[in-house]
N, C-alpha and C. Protein backbone atom coordinates (compact mmCIF):
# COMPACT_ATOMS: atom_id res chain seq x y z
N MET A 1 0.85 -1.17 0.00
CA MET A 1 0.00 0.00 0.00
C MET A 1 0.90 1.24 0.00
N THR A 2 0.57 2.21 -0.84
CA THR A 2 1.38 3.41 -0.94
C THR A 2 1.07 4.36 0.20
N SER A 3 1.98 5.27 0.43
CA SER A 3 1.76 6.24 1.50
C SER A 3 0.58 7.16 1.18
N GLN A 4 0.31 7.39 -0.10
CA GLN A 4 -0.83 8.23 -0.49
C GLN A 4 -2.14 7.51 -0.14
N ALA A 5 -2.23 6.21 -0.39
CA ALA A 5 -3.44 5.43 -0.07
C ALA A 5 -3.64 5.37 1.44
N ILE A 6 -2.55 5.21 2.20
CA ILE A 6 -2.66 5.19 3.66
C ILE A 6 -3.14 6.55 4.16
N GLY A 7 -2.63 7.62 3.57
CA GLY A 7 -3.06 8.97 3.97
C GLY A 7 -4.55 9.20 3.73
N LYS A 8 -5.08 8.70 2.58
CA LYS A 8 -6.51 8.84 2.29
C LYS A 8 -7.34 8.05 3.29
N ARG A 9 -6.88 6.83 3.62
CA ARG A 9 -7.61 6.00 4.58
C ARG A 9 -7.63 6.67 5.95
N ASP A 10 -6.49 7.19 6.39
CA ASP A 10 -6.43 7.88 7.68
C ASP A 10 -7.34 9.11 7.70
N LYS A 11 -7.39 9.83 6.58
CA LYS A 11 -8.25 11.02 6.50
C LYS A 11 -9.73 10.62 6.61
N ARG A 12 -10.11 9.51 5.95
CA ARG A 12 -11.49 9.05 6.04
C ARG A 12 -11.85 8.67 7.47
N TRP A 13 -10.95 7.95 8.16
CA TRP A 13 -11.22 7.57 9.55
C TRP A 13 -11.30 8.79 10.45
N ARG A 14 -10.44 9.76 10.21
CA ARG A 14 -10.49 10.99 11.01
C ARG A 14 -11.80 11.72 10.77
N ASN A 15 -12.24 11.81 9.51
CA ASN A 15 -13.53 12.46 9.20
C ASN A 15 -14.70 11.72 9.83
N LEU A 16 -14.66 10.38 9.80
CA LEU A 16 -15.70 9.58 10.42
C LEU A 16 -15.72 9.81 11.93
N ALA A 17 -14.54 9.83 12.54
CA ALA A 17 -14.46 10.06 13.99
C ALA A 17 -15.00 11.45 14.34
N LEU A 18 -14.68 12.45 13.54
CA LEU A 18 -15.20 13.80 13.79
C LEU A 18 -16.71 13.85 13.63
N ALA A 19 -17.24 13.13 12.64
CA ALA A 19 -18.69 13.09 12.44
C ALA A 19 -19.38 12.43 13.63
N VAL A 20 -18.83 11.33 14.12
CA VAL A 20 -19.41 10.64 15.28
C VAL A 20 -19.33 11.54 16.51
N LEU A 21 -18.23 12.22 16.70
CA LEU A 21 -18.08 13.15 17.82
C LEU A 21 -19.08 14.29 17.72
N ALA A 22 -19.27 14.84 16.53
CA ALA A 22 -20.24 15.92 16.34
C ALA A 22 -21.66 15.43 16.61
N LEU A 23 -21.98 14.23 16.14
CA LEU A 23 -23.30 13.66 16.41
C LEU A 23 -23.53 13.45 17.90
N THR A 24 -22.52 12.94 18.57
CA THR A 24 -22.64 12.71 20.01
C THR A 24 -22.86 14.03 20.73
N PHE A 25 -22.12 15.06 20.38
CA PHE A 25 -22.28 16.37 21.00
C PHE A 25 -23.66 16.93 20.69
N TRP A 26 -24.12 16.81 19.43
CA TRP A 26 -25.41 17.33 19.00
C TRP A 26 -26.53 16.65 19.78
N GLN A 27 -26.44 15.34 19.98
CA GLN A 27 -27.47 14.61 20.72
C GLN A 27 -27.42 14.96 22.20
N ALA A 28 -26.24 15.28 22.73
CA ALA A 28 -26.12 15.55 24.16
C ALA A 28 -26.53 16.97 24.51
N CYS A 29 -26.59 17.87 23.52
CA CYS A 29 -26.97 19.25 23.81
C CYS A 29 -28.41 19.31 24.29
N PRO A 30 -28.66 20.02 25.39
CA PRO A 30 -30.03 20.10 25.87
C PRO A 30 -30.88 20.95 24.95
N ALA A 31 -32.11 20.55 24.77
CA ALA A 31 -33.05 21.33 23.97
C ALA A 31 -33.57 22.46 24.83
N ALA A 32 -33.99 23.52 24.18
CA ALA A 32 -34.64 24.60 24.92
C ALA A 32 -36.08 24.15 25.12
N ALA A 33 -36.24 23.12 25.92
CA ALA A 33 -37.55 22.52 26.09
C ALA A 33 -37.69 22.05 27.53
N ALA A 34 -38.75 21.31 27.78
CA ALA A 34 -39.10 20.89 29.12
C ALA A 34 -38.04 19.97 29.72
N ASP A 35 -38.06 19.89 31.05
CA ASP A 35 -37.18 18.98 31.77
C ASP A 35 -37.61 17.54 31.52
N GLU A 36 -36.99 16.63 32.24
CA GLU A 36 -37.35 15.22 32.12
C GLU A 36 -38.82 15.03 32.45
N PRO A 37 -39.50 14.18 31.69
CA PRO A 37 -40.91 13.96 31.96
C PRO A 37 -41.10 13.09 33.21
N ASP A 38 -42.29 13.14 33.77
CA ASP A 38 -42.64 12.31 34.92
C ASP A 38 -43.21 10.99 34.41
N LEU A 39 -42.64 9.87 34.86
CA LEU A 39 -43.18 8.56 34.51
C LEU A 39 -44.49 8.38 35.28
N ILE A 40 -45.57 8.12 34.57
CA ILE A 40 -46.86 7.87 35.20
C ILE A 40 -47.00 6.38 35.48
N PHE A 41 -46.81 5.53 34.47
CA PHE A 41 -46.81 4.08 34.66
C PHE A 41 -46.24 3.39 33.43
N ARG A 42 -45.90 2.10 33.61
CA ARG A 42 -45.43 1.24 32.53
C ARG A 42 -46.30 -0.01 32.51
N ARG A 43 -46.47 -0.58 31.33
CA ARG A 43 -47.23 -1.83 31.19
C ARG A 43 -46.47 -2.75 30.24
N SER A 44 -46.19 -3.98 30.69
CA SER A 44 -45.50 -4.96 29.85
C SER A 44 -46.40 -5.37 28.70
N THR A 45 -45.79 -5.51 27.51
CA THR A 45 -46.54 -5.90 26.32
C THR A 45 -46.03 -7.19 25.70
N VAL A 46 -44.73 -7.47 25.84
CA VAL A 46 -44.14 -8.70 25.29
C VAL A 46 -43.27 -9.31 26.37
N PHE A 47 -43.56 -10.55 26.70
CA PHE A 47 -42.81 -11.27 27.72
C PHE A 47 -41.48 -11.77 27.15
N LYS A 48 -40.41 -11.60 27.89
CA LYS A 48 -39.08 -12.12 27.53
C LYS A 48 -38.63 -13.01 28.70
N TRP A 49 -38.08 -14.19 28.38
CA TRP A 49 -37.69 -15.13 29.43
C TRP A 49 -36.53 -14.64 30.29
N MET A 50 -35.44 -14.25 29.68
CA MET A 50 -34.21 -13.99 30.43
C MET A 50 -33.82 -12.51 30.49
N SER A 51 -34.64 -11.65 29.97
CA SER A 51 -34.30 -10.22 29.94
C SER A 51 -35.56 -9.41 30.17
N PRO A 52 -35.43 -8.09 30.31
CA PRO A 52 -36.62 -7.26 30.55
C PRO A 52 -37.64 -7.35 29.41
N ASN A 53 -38.91 -7.25 29.77
CA ASN A 53 -40.00 -7.28 28.81
C ASN A 53 -40.05 -5.99 27.99
N ASP A 54 -40.67 -6.08 26.79
CA ASP A 54 -41.04 -4.87 26.06
C ASP A 54 -42.18 -4.22 26.83
N LYS A 55 -42.23 -2.88 26.83
CA LYS A 55 -43.24 -2.18 27.62
C LYS A 55 -43.79 -0.99 26.86
N LEU A 56 -44.93 -0.51 27.32
CA LEU A 56 -45.44 0.80 26.96
C LEU A 56 -45.30 1.66 28.21
N ALA A 57 -44.77 2.86 28.06
CA ALA A 57 -44.58 3.75 29.20
C ALA A 57 -45.31 5.06 28.92
N THR A 58 -46.05 5.54 29.92
CA THR A 58 -46.78 6.80 29.80
C THR A 58 -46.11 7.84 30.70
N TYR A 59 -45.83 8.99 30.10
CA TYR A 59 -45.15 10.08 30.79
C TYR A 59 -45.99 11.35 30.75
N GLY A 60 -45.76 12.23 31.71
CA GLY A 60 -46.39 13.55 31.72
C GLY A 60 -45.33 14.63 31.73
N VAL A 61 -45.61 15.72 31.02
CA VAL A 61 -44.67 16.84 30.97
C VAL A 61 -45.46 18.14 30.87
N ASP A 62 -45.02 19.15 31.61
CA ASP A 62 -45.63 20.47 31.55
C ASP A 62 -44.95 21.29 30.47
N ASP A 63 -45.72 22.11 29.77
CA ASP A 63 -45.14 23.01 28.77
C ASP A 63 -44.32 24.05 29.52
N PRO A 64 -43.01 24.15 29.25
CA PRO A 64 -42.18 25.09 30.01
C PRO A 64 -42.44 26.56 29.68
N GLN A 65 -43.07 26.86 28.53
CA GLN A 65 -43.30 28.24 28.13
C GLN A 65 -44.75 28.69 28.30
N VAL A 66 -45.65 27.74 28.57
CA VAL A 66 -47.07 28.06 28.69
C VAL A 66 -47.59 27.43 29.97
N GLU A 67 -47.82 28.26 30.99
CA GLU A 67 -48.40 27.76 32.23
C GLU A 67 -49.82 27.28 31.97
N GLY A 68 -50.20 26.19 32.63
CA GLY A 68 -51.56 25.70 32.52
C GLY A 68 -51.78 24.66 31.45
N VAL A 69 -50.71 24.16 30.82
CA VAL A 69 -50.84 23.11 29.80
C VAL A 69 -49.91 21.96 30.17
N ALA A 70 -50.47 20.75 30.14
CA ALA A 70 -49.67 19.54 30.36
C ALA A 70 -49.94 18.57 29.22
N CYS A 71 -48.93 17.81 28.87
CA CYS A 71 -49.06 16.79 27.83
C CYS A 71 -48.69 15.44 28.42
N HIS A 72 -49.36 14.42 27.95
CA HIS A 72 -49.04 13.04 28.30
C HIS A 72 -48.76 12.30 27.00
N PHE A 73 -47.70 11.50 27.00
CA PHE A 73 -47.38 10.71 25.82
C PHE A 73 -47.03 9.30 26.23
N THR A 74 -47.33 8.37 25.34
CA THR A 74 -47.01 6.96 25.57
C THR A 74 -46.05 6.51 24.49
N VAL A 75 -44.96 5.89 24.94
CA VAL A 75 -43.93 5.42 24.02
C VAL A 75 -43.65 3.94 24.29
N PRO A 76 -43.35 3.18 23.24
CA PRO A 76 -42.91 1.80 23.45
C PRO A 76 -41.46 1.80 23.91
N GLU A 77 -41.14 0.89 24.81
CA GLU A 77 -39.77 0.73 25.29
C GLU A 77 -39.34 -0.70 25.03
N LYS A 78 -38.26 -0.84 24.27
CA LYS A 78 -37.75 -2.17 23.91
C LYS A 78 -37.17 -2.85 25.13
N GLY A 79 -37.47 -4.14 25.25
CA GLY A 79 -36.87 -4.96 26.29
C GLY A 79 -35.69 -5.71 25.72
N GLY A 80 -35.48 -6.92 26.20
CA GLY A 80 -34.35 -7.72 25.74
C GLY A 80 -33.05 -7.16 26.26
N PHE A 81 -31.97 -7.81 25.88
CA PHE A 81 -30.67 -7.38 26.38
C PHE A 81 -30.24 -6.04 25.78
N LYS A 82 -30.55 -5.83 24.48
CA LYS A 82 -30.20 -4.55 23.85
C LYS A 82 -30.95 -3.39 24.52
N GLY A 83 -32.23 -3.59 24.78
CA GLY A 83 -33.01 -2.55 25.46
C GLY A 83 -32.53 -2.29 26.87
N TRP A 84 -32.11 -3.35 27.54
CA TRP A 84 -31.65 -3.26 28.92
C TRP A 84 -30.39 -2.40 29.04
N ILE A 85 -29.47 -2.55 28.07
CA ILE A 85 -28.23 -1.77 28.13
C ILE A 85 -28.30 -0.48 27.31
N GLY A 86 -29.46 -0.21 26.70
CA GLY A 86 -29.66 1.05 26.00
C GLY A 86 -29.19 1.08 24.56
N LEU A 87 -29.03 -0.07 23.92
CA LEU A 87 -28.56 -0.09 22.54
C LEU A 87 -29.67 -0.35 21.52
N ALA A 88 -30.86 -0.71 21.99
CA ALA A 88 -31.96 -1.00 21.06
C ALA A 88 -32.50 0.30 20.47
N GLU A 89 -32.82 0.26 19.19
CA GLU A 89 -33.45 1.42 18.57
C GLU A 89 -34.94 1.33 18.81
N GLU A 90 -35.48 2.35 19.45
CA GLU A 90 -36.90 2.36 19.79
C GLU A 90 -37.73 2.65 18.54
N VAL A 91 -38.93 2.08 18.50
CA VAL A 91 -39.82 2.33 17.37
C VAL A 91 -40.45 3.72 17.51
N SER A 92 -41.06 4.18 16.44
CA SER A 92 -41.55 5.56 16.36
C SER A 92 -43.03 5.72 16.72
N ASP A 93 -43.66 4.70 17.25
CA ASP A 93 -45.08 4.79 17.58
C ASP A 93 -45.26 5.53 18.91
N ILE A 94 -45.69 6.77 18.85
CA ILE A 94 -45.84 7.60 20.04
C ILE A 94 -47.22 8.25 19.99
N SER A 95 -47.96 8.18 21.08
CA SER A 95 -49.26 8.85 21.12
C SER A 95 -49.15 10.06 22.06
N LEU A 96 -50.03 11.04 21.86
CA LEU A 96 -49.94 12.30 22.58
C LEU A 96 -51.32 12.82 22.93
N ALA A 97 -51.46 13.36 24.14
CA ALA A 97 -52.67 14.07 24.55
C ALA A 97 -52.25 15.25 25.41
N CYS A 98 -52.68 16.45 25.05
CA CYS A 98 -52.37 17.66 25.81
C CYS A 98 -53.67 18.30 26.27
N ARG A 99 -53.67 18.87 27.48
CA ARG A 99 -54.87 19.45 28.06
C ARG A 99 -54.54 20.71 28.86
N GLN A 100 -55.55 21.55 28.98
CA GLN A 100 -55.45 22.71 29.87
C GLN A 100 -55.67 22.20 31.28
N ILE A 101 -54.75 22.53 32.20
CA ILE A 101 -54.86 22.06 33.58
C ILE A 101 -54.95 23.22 34.57
N GLY A 102 -55.07 24.43 34.06
CA GLY A 102 -55.16 25.62 34.88
C GLY A 102 -55.26 26.84 33.98
N PRO A 103 -55.25 28.03 34.58
CA PRO A 103 -55.28 29.24 33.74
C PRO A 103 -54.06 29.26 32.83
N ILE A 104 -54.25 29.56 31.56
CA ILE A 104 -53.15 29.58 30.60
C ILE A 104 -52.50 30.97 30.61
N ARG A 105 -51.19 30.96 30.84
CA ARG A 105 -50.39 32.19 30.84
C ARG A 105 -49.12 31.92 30.03
N PHE A 106 -48.86 32.79 29.07
CA PHE A 106 -47.65 32.68 28.24
C PHE A 106 -46.51 33.37 28.96
N LYS A 107 -45.38 32.68 29.07
CA LYS A 107 -44.22 33.23 29.78
C LYS A 107 -43.40 34.16 28.90
N ASP A 108 -43.44 33.95 27.59
CA ASP A 108 -42.61 34.73 26.67
C ASP A 108 -43.16 34.56 25.26
N LYS A 109 -42.56 35.26 24.30
CA LYS A 109 -42.93 35.09 22.90
C LYS A 109 -42.52 33.70 22.42
N LEU A 110 -43.30 33.13 21.52
CA LEU A 110 -43.06 31.79 21.00
C LEU A 110 -42.94 31.84 19.49
N GLU A 111 -42.32 30.82 18.93
CA GLU A 111 -42.27 30.66 17.48
C GLU A 111 -43.11 29.46 17.11
N GLN A 112 -43.73 29.51 15.92
CA GLN A 112 -44.49 28.36 15.44
C GLN A 112 -43.53 27.18 15.28
N GLY A 113 -43.92 26.03 15.78
CA GLY A 113 -43.10 24.83 15.64
C GLY A 113 -41.94 24.73 16.61
N ASP A 114 -41.96 25.54 17.69
CA ASP A 114 -40.91 25.44 18.71
C ASP A 114 -40.93 24.07 19.37
N ASP A 115 -39.74 23.58 19.74
CA ASP A 115 -39.67 22.35 20.53
C ASP A 115 -40.20 22.64 21.92
N MET A 116 -41.15 21.83 22.36
CA MET A 116 -41.64 21.90 23.74
C MET A 116 -40.92 20.87 24.58
N PHE A 117 -40.59 19.73 23.96
CA PHE A 117 -39.90 18.64 24.65
C PHE A 117 -39.14 17.82 23.60
N ARG A 118 -37.97 17.32 24.01
CA ARG A 118 -37.17 16.48 23.11
C ARG A 118 -36.48 15.42 23.95
N LYS A 119 -36.49 14.18 23.43
CA LYS A 119 -35.84 13.08 24.14
C LYS A 119 -35.21 12.14 23.13
N ARG A 120 -34.03 11.68 23.44
CA ARG A 120 -33.32 10.73 22.59
C ARG A 120 -34.01 9.37 22.65
N ARG A 121 -34.14 8.68 21.49
CA ARG A 121 -34.81 7.38 21.43
C ARG A 121 -33.88 6.26 21.00
N SER A 122 -32.63 6.57 20.69
CA SER A 122 -31.63 5.55 20.42
C SER A 122 -30.28 6.14 20.78
N LEU A 123 -29.26 5.30 20.74
CA LEU A 123 -27.94 5.74 21.18
C LEU A 123 -27.45 6.97 20.42
N PHE A 124 -27.64 7.00 19.10
CA PHE A 124 -27.12 8.14 18.34
C PHE A 124 -28.14 8.82 17.44
N PHE A 125 -29.00 8.07 16.76
CA PHE A 125 -29.62 8.60 15.57
C PHE A 125 -31.09 8.99 15.67
N LYS A 126 -31.80 8.65 16.70
CA LYS A 126 -33.24 8.90 16.71
C LYS A 126 -33.62 9.71 17.94
N LYS A 127 -34.51 10.68 17.73
CA LYS A 127 -35.03 11.44 18.86
C LYS A 127 -36.52 11.70 18.66
N MET A 128 -37.20 11.86 19.76
CA MET A 128 -38.62 12.16 19.78
C MET A 128 -38.76 13.64 20.13
N GLN A 129 -39.68 14.32 19.46
CA GLN A 129 -39.88 15.75 19.74
C GLN A 129 -41.37 16.05 19.85
N ILE A 130 -41.70 16.91 20.81
CA ILE A 130 -43.03 17.49 20.87
C ILE A 130 -42.85 18.96 20.51
N VAL A 131 -43.54 19.40 19.47
CA VAL A 131 -43.45 20.79 19.04
C VAL A 131 -44.79 21.47 19.25
N ARG A 132 -44.75 22.78 19.40
CA ARG A 132 -45.94 23.57 19.72
C ARG A 132 -46.17 24.61 18.65
N GLY A 133 -47.43 24.86 18.37
CA GLY A 133 -47.81 25.93 17.46
C GLY A 133 -49.10 26.58 17.95
N CYS A 134 -49.50 27.62 17.26
CA CYS A 134 -50.71 28.37 17.63
C CYS A 134 -51.61 28.47 16.42
N ASP A 135 -52.87 28.08 16.58
CA ASP A 135 -53.91 28.33 15.59
C ASP A 135 -54.59 29.62 16.05
N ALA A 136 -54.08 30.75 15.56
CA ALA A 136 -54.55 32.06 16.04
C ALA A 136 -56.02 32.30 15.72
N LYS A 137 -56.49 31.81 14.60
CA LYS A 137 -57.88 32.01 14.20
C LYS A 137 -58.84 31.40 15.24
N ARG A 138 -58.49 30.25 15.80
CA ARG A 138 -59.35 29.55 16.75
C ARG A 138 -58.88 29.70 18.19
N ASN A 139 -57.77 30.41 18.42
CA ASN A 139 -57.15 30.57 19.73
C ASN A 139 -56.91 29.21 20.40
N VAL A 140 -56.18 28.36 19.68
CA VAL A 140 -55.91 27.00 20.12
C VAL A 140 -54.41 26.73 20.02
N LEU A 141 -53.85 26.15 21.07
CA LEU A 141 -52.47 25.67 21.01
C LEU A 141 -52.50 24.27 20.40
N VAL A 142 -51.58 24.00 19.49
CA VAL A 142 -51.52 22.72 18.80
C VAL A 142 -50.16 22.10 19.09
N TYR A 143 -50.19 20.85 19.55
CA TYR A 143 -48.97 20.12 19.87
C TYR A 143 -48.88 18.90 18.94
N MET A 144 -47.68 18.64 18.42
CA MET A 144 -47.45 17.49 17.57
C MET A 144 -46.23 16.74 18.09
N VAL A 145 -46.33 15.42 18.15
CA VAL A 145 -45.18 14.59 18.52
C VAL A 145 -44.78 13.79 17.30
N TYR A 146 -43.48 13.65 17.10
CA TYR A 146 -42.94 12.80 16.04
C TYR A 146 -41.55 12.36 16.45
N SER A 147 -41.06 11.35 15.76
CA SER A 147 -39.67 10.97 16.00
C SER A 147 -38.94 11.09 14.68
N ASP A 148 -37.69 11.39 14.77
CA ASP A 148 -36.91 11.50 13.54
C ASP A 148 -35.58 10.80 13.69
N LYS A 149 -35.03 10.44 12.56
CA LYS A 149 -33.71 9.84 12.47
C LYS A 149 -32.82 10.83 11.74
N LEU A 150 -31.54 10.72 11.97
CA LEU A 150 -30.59 11.59 11.28
C LEU A 150 -30.64 11.32 9.78
N ILE A 151 -30.75 10.06 9.40
CA ILE A 151 -30.70 9.69 7.99
C ILE A 151 -32.06 9.86 7.33
N GLU A 152 -33.12 9.37 7.95
CA GLU A 152 -34.45 9.48 7.38
C GLU A 152 -35.45 9.75 8.50
N GLY A 153 -36.47 10.49 8.20
CA GLY A 153 -37.47 10.81 9.20
C GLY A 153 -38.48 9.69 9.36
N SER A 154 -39.48 9.95 10.15
CA SER A 154 -40.56 8.99 10.35
C SER A 154 -41.87 9.70 10.12
N PRO A 155 -42.76 9.11 9.32
CA PRO A 155 -44.05 9.74 9.10
C PRO A 155 -45.01 9.54 10.27
N LYS A 156 -44.64 8.71 11.24
CA LYS A 156 -45.53 8.45 12.37
C LYS A 156 -45.55 9.66 13.29
N ASN A 157 -46.76 10.12 13.60
CA ASN A 157 -46.89 11.32 14.43
C ASN A 157 -48.24 11.29 15.11
N SER A 158 -48.44 12.21 16.02
CA SER A 158 -49.70 12.37 16.71
C SER A 158 -49.87 13.85 17.04
N THR A 159 -51.10 14.32 17.02
CA THR A 159 -51.38 15.73 17.25
C THR A 159 -52.44 15.87 18.34
N SER A 160 -52.30 16.91 19.15
CA SER A 160 -53.28 17.21 20.18
C SER A 160 -53.45 18.73 20.22
N SER A 161 -54.67 19.19 20.48
CA SER A 161 -54.88 20.64 20.55
C SER A 161 -55.52 21.02 21.88
N VAL A 162 -55.18 22.23 22.32
CA VAL A 162 -55.66 22.74 23.60
C VAL A 162 -56.32 24.09 23.35
N PRO A 163 -57.67 24.14 23.37
CA PRO A 163 -58.33 25.44 23.23
C PRO A 163 -58.07 26.28 24.49
N ILE A 164 -57.78 27.55 24.29
CA ILE A 164 -57.50 28.42 25.43
C ILE A 164 -58.83 28.96 25.94
N MET A 165 -59.19 28.50 27.14
CA MET A 165 -60.49 28.80 27.73
C MET A 165 -60.30 29.45 29.10
N PRO A 166 -61.32 30.17 29.58
CA PRO A 166 -61.24 30.68 30.96
C PRO A 166 -61.18 29.50 31.94
N TRP A 167 -60.47 29.69 33.03
CA TRP A 167 -60.32 28.64 34.03
C TRP A 167 -60.96 29.14 35.33
N GLY A 168 -62.21 28.80 35.53
CA GLY A 168 -62.92 29.25 36.73
C GLY A 168 -63.46 30.66 36.55
N THR A 169 -64.19 31.12 37.54
CA THR A 169 -64.82 32.45 37.47
C THR A 169 -63.83 33.58 37.62
N ALA A 170 -62.72 33.34 38.31
CA ALA A 170 -61.73 34.40 38.53
C ALA A 170 -60.86 34.65 37.30
N ASP A 171 -60.86 33.75 36.33
CA ASP A 171 -60.02 33.86 35.14
C ASP A 171 -60.83 34.44 33.99
N SER A 172 -60.99 35.76 33.99
CA SER A 172 -61.80 36.40 32.96
C SER A 172 -60.97 36.89 31.78
N ALA A 173 -59.69 37.11 31.97
CA ALA A 173 -58.82 37.63 30.90
C ALA A 173 -58.15 36.45 30.17
N VAL A 174 -58.78 35.95 29.12
CA VAL A 174 -58.23 34.85 28.35
C VAL A 174 -57.20 35.40 27.37
N GLN A 175 -55.98 34.88 27.44
CA GLN A 175 -54.93 35.34 26.54
C GLN A 175 -55.13 34.75 25.15
N LYS A 176 -54.67 35.46 24.15
CA LYS A 176 -54.74 35.04 22.74
C LYS A 176 -53.36 34.53 22.34
N CYS A 177 -53.28 33.28 21.88
CA CYS A 177 -51.97 32.73 21.54
C CYS A 177 -51.33 33.48 20.38
N GLY A 178 -52.14 34.03 19.48
CA GLY A 178 -51.61 34.78 18.34
C GLY A 178 -50.81 36.00 18.74
N GLU A 179 -51.08 36.55 19.92
CA GLU A 179 -50.34 37.73 20.40
C GLU A 179 -48.96 37.36 20.92
N PHE A 180 -48.70 36.07 21.09
CA PHE A 180 -47.41 35.63 21.65
C PHE A 180 -46.55 34.89 20.63
N ILE A 181 -46.95 34.90 19.37
CA ILE A 181 -46.17 34.27 18.31
C ILE A 181 -45.30 35.32 17.64
N GLN A 182 -44.03 34.99 17.49
CA GLN A 182 -43.09 35.93 16.84
C GLN A 182 -43.18 35.82 15.35
């Protein structure tokens, strides 16, 4: 092998290592989104003899930018030995329900499609995101969950909407989501 061929091979490995390092850093960066969700419960769906079962897990998370809104989502969690050590790639089937749980107050200006929550779903390449938008005409907050891969996305998604309504008799000033969109 010539020194030129060895140099090209070393350059390719260095570029690959830099790409993996960049991906690792990109996945580790915190999103400007909600903290860790609260686990509500898990339910086994597939029995495994010698390793953890496959499960469905339901989580709750509060919208960090909009007081009075909470979302619950259910995600499948792979069992087996790969799932146990965190190497299994999770599937993209995620369901979502968001509701008003108190008076709605916007903390700051928002952008359409902002990340409300983001969580990694595999070691490197897949993440789940809940994004938020505003239907100003109907004064409704719209939340969408989807998962994506670095190489290819996933068409599987779920949507939930939260109409902004008065909360009790003391809450007479209903905010308009359209006034808080940049």
